Protein backbone atom coordinates (compact mmCIF):
# COMPACT_ATOMS: atom_id res chain seq x y z
CA MET A 1 0.00 0.00 0.00
CA LYS A 2 0.95 3.63 -0.45
CA VAL A 3 0.90 5.83 2.65
CA ILE A 4 1.03 9.55 3.48
CA ILE A 5 2.43 10.58 6.86
CA THR A 6 2.34 14.06 8.37
CA GLY A 7 4.38 15.07 11.40
CA ALA A 8 7.36 12.82 10.65
CA THR A 9 9.72 15.32 12.29
CA GLY A 10 8.01 14.70 15.64
CA MET A 11 8.29 11.73 17.95
CA VAL A 12 5.03 10.03 17.00
CA GLY A 13 5.31 10.63 13.28
CA GLU A 14 8.90 9.47 13.18
CA GLY A 15 7.97 6.28 15.02
CA VAL A 16 5.07 5.57 12.66
CA LEU A 17 7.31 6.25 9.67
CA HIS A 18 9.90 3.82 11.05
CA GLU A 19 7.31 1.02 11.18
CA CYS A 20 6.05 1.80 7.68
CA LEU A 21 9.54 1.63 6.20
CA LEU A 22 10.06 -1.76 7.84
CA HIS A 23 6.70 -3.27 6.86
CA PRO A 24 6.63 -5.45 3.73
CA SER A 25 3.09 -4.41 2.81
CA VAL A 26 4.03 -0.72 2.57
CA GLU A 27 5.57 -0.04 -0.83
CA LYS A 28 5.72 3.77 -0.76
CA VAL A 29 5.63 6.46 1.92
CA LEU A 30 5.13 10.15 1.23
CA ILE A 31 5.99 12.40 4.16
CA ILE A 32 4.80 16.00 4.11
CA ASN A 33 6.76 18.30 6.42
CA ARG A 34 7.33 21.97 6.98
CA LYS A 35 11.08 21.31 7.13
CA PRO A 36 13.33 18.52 5.77
CA SER A 37 13.43 15.40 7.92
CA GLY A 38 16.93 14.30 6.96
CA ILE A 39 15.65 10.74 6.46
CA THR A 40 16.41 8.79 3.29
CA HIS A 41 15.08 5.37 2.27
CA PRO A 42 14.22 3.64 -1.03
CA LYS A 43 10.50 3.65 -0.14
CA LEU A 44 10.47 7.26 0.97
CA GLN A 45 9.45 10.43 -0.84
CA GLU A 46 9.51 13.75 1.00
CA LEU A 47 7.49 16.84 0.22
CA VAL A 48 8.44 20.04 2.05
CA HIS A 49 5.49 22.42 2.25
CA THR A 50 5.40 25.23 4.79
CA ASP A 51 1.73 26.27 4.67
CA PHE A 52 -0.70 23.50 5.63
CA PHE A 53 -3.56 25.97 5.34
CA ASN A 54 -2.90 26.33 1.60
CA LEU A 55 -2.48 22.91 0.05
CA SER A 56 -3.50 23.82 -3.49
CA PRO A 57 0.13 23.83 -4.77
CA ILE A 58 0.58 20.18 -3.73
CA ALA A 59 -2.98 18.82 -3.91
CA SER A 60 -2.45 16.87 -7.13
CA GLN A 61 0.47 15.03 -5.50
CA LEU A 62 -1.90 13.53 -2.91
CA ALA A 63 -3.72 11.31 -5.41
CA GLY A 64 -3.57 7.53 -5.45
CA TYR A 65 -2.82 6.80 -1.79
CA ASP A 66 -4.31 4.03 0.34
CA ALA A 67 -3.83 5.64 3.74
CA CYS A 68 -2.92 8.79 5.61
CA PHE A 69 -1.44 8.61 9.09
CA PHE A 70 -1.98 12.12 10.43
CA CYS A 71 0.56 12.55 13.23
CA LEU A 72 0.88 16.33 13.11
CA GLY A 73 -0.17 18.12 16.28
CA VAL A 74 0.66 20.70 18.93
CA SER A 75 0.50 20.80 22.70
CA SER A 76 -2.26 22.89 24.23
CA VAL A 77 -0.01 24.03 27.10
CA GLY A 78 -0.01 27.82 27.27
CA MET A 79 -2.23 28.22 24.22
CA LYS A 80 -5.49 30.13 23.93
CA GLU A 81 -8.43 28.08 22.69
CA ALA A 82 -8.71 29.97 19.40
CA ASP A 83 -5.06 29.33 18.56
CA TYR A 84 -5.22 25.69 19.60
CA ARG A 85 -8.40 25.15 17.58
CA ARG A 86 -6.81 26.67 14.49
CA LEU A 87 -3.72 24.46 14.71
CA THR A 88 -5.66 21.33 15.66
CA TYR A 89 -9.20 21.31 14.26
CA ASP A 90 -8.90 23.77 11.36
CA LEU A 91 -5.56 22.49 10.08
CA THR A 92 -6.48 18.82 10.31
CA MET A 93 -9.86 19.27 8.63
CA HIS A 94 -8.37 21.34 5.83
CA PHE A 95 -5.78 18.67 5.13
CA ALA A 96 -8.34 15.86 5.26
CA GLU A 97 -10.86 17.70 3.08
CA THR A 98 -8.14 18.27 0.47
CA LEU A 99 -6.94 14.68 0.63
CA VAL A 100 -10.38 13.09 0.30
CA GLN A 101 -10.84 14.84 -3.04
CA GLN A 102 -7.62 13.25 -4.32
CA SER A 103 -7.65 9.84 -2.58
CA PRO A 104 -11.27 9.10 -1.58
CA HIS A 105 -10.56 5.39 -1.11
CA ALA A 106 -7.90 6.05 1.52
CA VAL A 107 -8.12 5.21 5.21
CA PHE A 108 -7.52 8.33 7.30
CA THR A 109 -6.00 7.72 10.74
CA TYR A 110 -5.83 10.63 13.15
CA VAL A 111 -3.58 10.70 16.22
CA SER A 112 -5.76 12.11 18.98
CA GLY A 113 -4.95 11.35 22.62
CA ALA A 114 -5.97 9.51 25.76
CA GLY A 115 -8.50 11.56 27.73
CA THR A 116 -10.26 13.01 24.70
CA ASP A 117 -13.62 12.18 26.31
CA GLY A 118 -12.83 14.69 29.05
CA SER A 119 -14.11 18.23 29.57
CA SER A 120 -10.87 20.18 29.11
CA MET A 121 -10.44 22.65 26.28
CA TRP A 122 -8.03 20.47 24.33
CA ALA A 123 -10.25 17.41 24.73
CA LYS A 124 -13.28 19.20 23.30
CA VAL A 125 -11.28 20.39 20.29
CA LYS A 126 -9.79 16.93 19.70
CA ARG A 127 -13.21 15.29 20.03
CA GLN A 128 -14.76 17.68 17.53
CA THR A 129 -11.90 16.89 15.14
CA GLU A 130 -12.49 13.15 15.55
CA ASP A 131 -16.24 13.51 14.98
CA ASN A 132 -16.01 15.65 11.87
CA LEU A 133 -13.26 13.56 10.29
CA ALA A 134 -15.66 10.62 10.52
CA LYS A 135 -18.14 12.49 8.33
CA LEU A 136 -15.75 12.73 5.38
CA PRO A 137 -16.21 10.18 2.59
CA PHE A 138 -12.97 8.25 3.07
CA ARG A 139 -13.01 4.45 2.87
CA ASN A 140 -12.65 4.57 6.63
CA THR A 141 -11.48 6.89 9.40
CA TYR A 142 -9.96 6.05 12.77
CA ALA A 143 -9.08 8.15 15.79
CA PHE A 144 -6.15 6.73 17.76
CA ARG A 145 -5.91 7.80 21.41
CA PRO A 146 -2.45 6.78 22.65
CA GLY A 147 -1.27 7.34 26.19
CA PHE A 148 2.29 6.82 27.41
CA MET A 149 4.39 5.27 24.65
CA LYS A 150 7.74 3.59 25.08
CA PRO A 151 9.97 5.21 22.44
CA THR A 152 11.50 3.21 19.63
CA PRO A 153 15.25 2.91 20.26
CA GLY A 154 17.52 4.82 17.92
CA LEU A 155 15.09 7.46 16.70
CA LYS A 156 16.19 11.08 16.98
CA ASN A 157 12.95 12.91 17.82
CA THR A 158 12.15 11.22 21.13
CA LEU A 159 10.92 13.79 23.65
CA HIS A 160 13.41 14.40 26.46
CA LEU A 161 10.81 13.55 29.10
CA TYR A 162 10.53 10.03 27.72
CA ARG A 163 14.29 9.55 27.89
CA TYR A 164 14.20 10.22 31.63
CA ILE A 165 11.15 8.13 32.57
CA ASN A 166 11.55 5.31 30.06
CA TRP A 167 12.85 3.02 32.81
CA LEU A 168 9.36 3.05 34.35
CA TYR A 169 7.81 1.44 31.28
CA PRO A 170 7.82 -2.24 32.44
CA LEU A 171 6.13 -1.30 35.72
CA MET A 172 3.61 0.98 34.02
CA ARG A 173 2.75 -1.69 31.47
CA LYS A 174 2.04 -4.12 34.28
CA LEU A 175 0.10 -1.79 36.56
CA MET A 176 -1.62 0.49 34.02
CA PRO A 177 -2.00 -1.52 30.80
CA ALA A 178 -4.94 0.63 29.68
CA TYR A 179 -2.67 3.67 29.39
CA VAL A 180 0.64 2.27 28.15
CA SER A 181 1.92 0.96 24.81
CA THR A 182 5.03 1.19 22.69
CA LEU A 183 5.47 3.63 19.86
CA ALA A 184 6.14 0.62 17.63
CA GLU A 185 2.72 -0.80 18.55
CA LEU A 186 1.09 2.47 17.55
CA GLY A 187 2.71 2.32 14.10
CA GLN A 188 1.90 -1.36 13.65
CA ALA A 189 -1.71 -0.78 14.65
CA MET A 190 -2.05 2.03 12.13
CA ILE A 191 -0.78 -0.21 9.36
CA ASN A 192 -3.16 -2.99 10.44
CA SER A 193 -6.08 -0.57 10.48
CA VAL A 194 -5.64 -0.34 6.72
CA LEU A 195 -4.81 -4.00 6.06
CA LYS A 196 -7.26 -5.63 8.47
CA GLY A 197 -9.67 -2.96 9.75
CA TYR A 198 -11.02 -2.66 13.25
CA SER A 199 -14.43 -2.93 14.88
CA THR A 200 -14.55 0.58 16.35
CA ARG A 201 -13.69 3.97 14.91
CA VAL A 202 -12.11 5.32 18.11
CA LEU A 203 -9.21 3.27 19.44
CA GLU A 204 -8.11 3.59 23.04
CA VAL A 205 -4.75 2.20 24.19
CA LYS A 206 -6.07 -1.33 24.71
CA ASP A 207 -7.45 -1.30 21.16
CA ILE A 208 -4.16 -0.02 19.77
CA VAL A 209 -2.24 -2.85 21.44
CA ALA A 210 -4.77 -5.45 20.31
CA LEU A 211 -4.73 -4.25 16.71
CA ALA A 212 -0.93 -4.09 16.65
CA HIS A 213 -0.71 -7.80 17.39
CA ARG A 214 -3.34 -9.05 14.93
């Protein structure tokens, strides 16, 4: 299958990209970034585009893909709701609405977050994004809600916090399995969502782990 990935210069996107490049069923990966990733691979094509609110210059290059793994996102810490909504809801919907015109048979997978059913500002914005993505005429849409993820060794965009608390992972996996997975499992589950499908549109951590090991 042919896959588009956004956010490959971040921890989650880089981890998902790593799994796609390793997987035998993925024949081509297009990453769309605001800045060069520095990654090279025979399967990989990179498109540097700085304005995700104006995709018309690259829209035709989004045709013919089987999946989009949308890993682009920002933290809500210190942000006003209007700014967070613009960079979360507005940006994601604009990208998805452009993509569905070019690759309507694609599966669109959105990286949301654990706790999106909550009442906080960021949760409401994420939930609205999940709900309205589901209304677009893709072959299928999924919202992935990861929690703590053990980083994939050797990748360069791992958040510093994870480097310091990574040693807690085995204990957290045992005591809080509903909130803990590996970054590799997230990527594998995304690939399997296209190859095998899943019974629910919104995947919590337990669903991500289950789908990763199908």
